[in-house]
Amino acid sequence: MPFSLIPFILLIIPLLEIGVFIAVGSQIGVFATLGMIVLTAIIGSILLRVQGFGLLTRMRRDLDEGRVPGRELVHGVMILVAGVLLLTPGFVTDTLGFLLFVPALRDAVWRFARRRVQIVAQSSYPTDGPARDSGSPTIDLTEDEYSDTADPDTPWKRSR
């Protein structure tokens, strides 16, 4: 999405929300409308908690099996966005938020994004020791193997 569309979206969504508030409020009343907004926020927070913890479990399983949890990461971002949309007062944002909680829709977004995004994995597990390249002239030292101060007893001292 081009960044030039973001200001228009930020203008259109509140206008849509105001229009829907007026339409719904005129049909069912002010208190019922406010009650629906509070109810959708509560339901959204429950869904966020349930689906979020389930997602964390699947991500941990993938990591333990040595796989990159790319799909789960994308689903996690969409669940986070869904939670924010549901906690934002409004019927339009609530509708978008509830749609993002549908796994089939998230999978469709994942298939769309997977073709356009490249995920690069980097291991965070420690190795047995410092990485050494047999053809490299680099020597890796630990902190106790070097010092910033000169050793007066060194045999490498230059004679004057």
Protein backbone atom coordinates (compact mmCIF):
# COMPACT_ATOMS: atom_id res chain seq x y z
CA MET A 1 0.00 0.00 0.00
CA PRO A 2 1.45 3.36 -0.94
CA PHE A 3 2.11 5.64 2.01
CA SER A 4 0.18 8.42 0.29
CA LEU A 5 -3.05 6.47 0.97
CA ILE A 6 -2.56 6.40 4.75
CA PRO A 7 -3.82 9.97 5.40
CA PHE A 8 -6.96 9.22 3.38
CA ILE A 9 -7.56 6.00 5.32
CA LEU A 10 -7.07 7.87 8.60
CA LEU A 11 -9.72 10.33 7.45
CA ILE A 12 -12.19 7.85 5.93
CA ILE A 13 -12.37 5.38 8.84
CA PRO A 14 -13.48 7.94 11.47
CA LEU A 15 -16.02 9.36 9.03
CA LEU A 16 -17.40 5.87 8.40
CA GLU A 17 -17.49 5.19 12.15
CA ILE A 18 -19.44 8.41 12.80
CA GLY A 19 -21.93 7.55 10.05
CA VAL A 20 -22.44 4.02 11.35
CA PHE A 21 -22.79 5.29 14.95
CA ILE A 22 -25.53 7.68 13.84
CA ALA A 23 -27.32 5.01 11.78
CA VAL A 24 -27.17 2.32 14.46
CA GLY A 25 -27.90 4.75 17.28
CA SER A 26 -31.01 6.04 15.54
CA GLN A 27 -32.30 2.47 15.10
CA ILE A 28 -31.56 0.89 18.50
CA GLY A 29 -30.86 3.87 20.78
CA VAL A 30 -27.80 5.44 22.35
CA PHE A 31 -27.40 3.11 25.34
CA ALA A 32 -27.80 -0.05 23.28
CA THR A 33 -25.21 1.26 20.82
CA LEU A 34 -22.75 2.04 23.60
CA GLY A 35 -23.46 -1.37 25.16
CA MET A 36 -22.63 -3.08 21.84
CA ILE A 37 -19.34 -1.19 21.64
CA VAL A 38 -18.38 -2.29 25.17
CA LEU A 39 -19.50 -5.87 24.45
CA THR A 40 -17.39 -6.12 21.29
CA ALA A 41 -14.36 -4.81 23.20
CA ILE A 42 -14.85 -7.50 25.87
CA ILE A 43 -15.33 -10.27 23.30
CA GLY A 44 -12.29 -8.99 21.39
CA SER A 45 -10.07 -9.09 24.46
CA ILE A 46 -11.19 -12.67 25.21
CA LEU A 47 -10.53 -13.75 21.61
CA LEU A 48 -7.16 -12.01 21.68
CA ARG A 49 -6.16 -13.90 24.80
CA VAL A 50 -7.36 -17.33 23.62
CA GLN A 51 -6.01 -17.15 20.09
CA GLY A 52 -2.82 -15.40 21.19
CA PHE A 53 -1.86 -18.13 23.67
CA GLY A 54 -2.72 -20.83 21.12
CA LEU A 55 -0.49 -19.09 18.61
CA LEU A 56 2.39 -18.85 21.08
CA THR A 57 2.10 -22.60 21.69
CA ARG A 58 2.29 -23.34 17.96
CA MET A 59 5.26 -20.99 17.54
CA ARG A 60 7.12 -22.69 20.40
CA ARG A 61 6.42 -26.11 18.84
CA ASP A 62 7.77 -24.98 15.45
CA LEU A 63 10.90 -23.53 17.07
CA ASP A 64 11.48 -26.72 19.04
CA GLU A 65 11.21 -28.72 15.80
CA GLY A 66 13.78 -26.43 14.16
CA ARG A 67 11.36 -24.78 11.76
CA VAL A 68 10.90 -21.06 11.18
CA PRO A 69 7.41 -20.05 12.41
CA GLY A 70 6.81 -17.66 9.50
CA ARG A 71 3.11 -18.41 9.16
CA GLU A 72 2.57 -18.10 12.90
CA LEU A 73 4.43 -14.79 13.02
CA VAL A 74 2.17 -13.35 10.33
CA HIS A 75 -0.87 -14.74 12.14
CA GLY A 76 0.42 -13.17 15.36
CA VAL A 77 0.68 -9.76 13.76
CA MET A 78 -2.83 -10.10 12.35
CA ILE A 79 -4.21 -11.18 15.75
CA LEU A 80 -2.50 -8.19 17.35
CA VAL A 81 -4.02 -5.84 14.75
CA ALA A 82 -7.41 -7.52 15.29
CA GLY A 83 -7.16 -6.91 19.02
CA VAL A 84 -6.31 -3.25 18.52
CA LEU A 85 -9.20 -2.85 16.07
CA LEU A 86 -11.64 -4.48 18.49
CA LEU A 87 -10.53 -2.29 21.38
CA THR A 88 -10.99 0.81 19.20
CA PRO A 89 -14.58 2.00 19.58
CA GLY A 90 -16.57 1.62 16.38
CA PHE A 91 -18.52 -0.84 14.30
CA VAL A 92 -16.33 -0.67 11.19
CA THR A 93 -13.12 -1.36 13.13
CA ASP A 94 -14.90 -4.10 15.09
CA THR A 95 -15.99 -5.78 11.87
CA LEU A 96 -12.45 -5.66 10.48
CA GLY A 97 -11.10 -6.94 13.81
CA PHE A 98 -13.50 -9.89 13.95
CA LEU A 99 -12.65 -10.78 10.35
CA LEU A 100 -8.95 -10.97 11.27
CA PHE A 101 -9.77 -13.53 13.97
CA VAL A 102 -11.02 -15.94 11.28
CA PRO A 103 -8.17 -18.39 10.59
CA ALA A 104 -9.21 -18.95 6.95
CA LEU A 105 -8.94 -15.23 6.24
CA ARG A 106 -5.57 -15.06 8.00
CA ASP A 107 -4.37 -17.99 5.87
CA ALA A 108 -5.48 -16.17 2.71
CA VAL A 109 -3.51 -13.09 3.81
CA TRP A 110 -0.52 -15.35 4.62
CA ARG A 111 -0.61 -16.92 1.13
CA PHE A 112 -0.75 -13.43 -0.39
CA ALA A 113 2.11 -12.13 1.77
CA ARG A 114 4.27 -15.25 1.44
CA ARG A 115 4.79 -14.61 -2.27
CA ARG A 116 5.94 -11.05 -1.58
CA VAL A 117 7.97 -11.43 1.64
CA GLN A 118 11.16 -13.37 2.12
CA ILE A 119 11.80 -14.69 5.62
CA VAL A 120 15.44 -15.16 6.56
CA ALA A 121 16.18 -17.44 9.49
CA GLN A 122 19.06 -16.85 11.84
CA SER A 123 19.85 -19.32 14.57
CA SER A 124 19.87 -17.94 18.08
CA TYR A 125 21.13 -21.13 19.64
CA PRO A 126 24.66 -20.96 21.08
CA THR A 127 27.36 -23.01 19.41
CA ASP A 128 29.96 -25.18 21.15
CA GLY A 129 32.58 -22.48 20.80
CA PRO A 130 33.54 -19.51 18.71
CA ALA A 131 32.96 -19.99 15.01
CA ARG A 132 36.23 -20.61 13.23
CA ASP A 133 36.91 -20.62 9.55
CA SER A 134 39.82 -22.91 8.74
CA GLY A 135 41.07 -20.64 5.95
CA SER A 136 40.69 -17.40 7.88
CA PRO A 137 43.67 -15.63 9.54
CA THR A 138 41.36 -14.38 12.31
CA ILE A 139 42.02 -15.63 15.83
CA ASP A 140 39.12 -15.40 18.26
CA LEU A 141 40.03 -14.60 21.87
CA THR A 142 37.93 -14.68 25.00
CA GLU A 143 37.89 -11.76 27.43
CA ASP A 144 40.46 -13.35 29.76
CA GLU A 145 42.93 -13.97 26.89
CA TYR A 146 43.65 -10.30 26.13
CA SER A 147 44.25 -7.06 28.00
CA ASP A 148 44.45 -3.36 27.17
CA THR A 149 47.47 -2.83 29.44
CA ALA A 150 51.01 -3.83 28.50
CA ASP A 151 52.53 -6.78 30.32
CA PRO A 152 56.00 -5.79 31.64
CA ASP A 153 57.22 -9.43 31.57
CA THR A 154 56.38 -10.08 27.94
CA PRO A 155 59.06 -11.73 25.80
CA TRP A 156 57.82 -9.69 22.83
CA LYS A 157 59.13 -6.43 24.21
CA ARG A 158 61.16 -4.42 21.74
CA SER A 159 64.70 -3.77 22.77
CA ARG A 160 65.88 -0.15 22.52
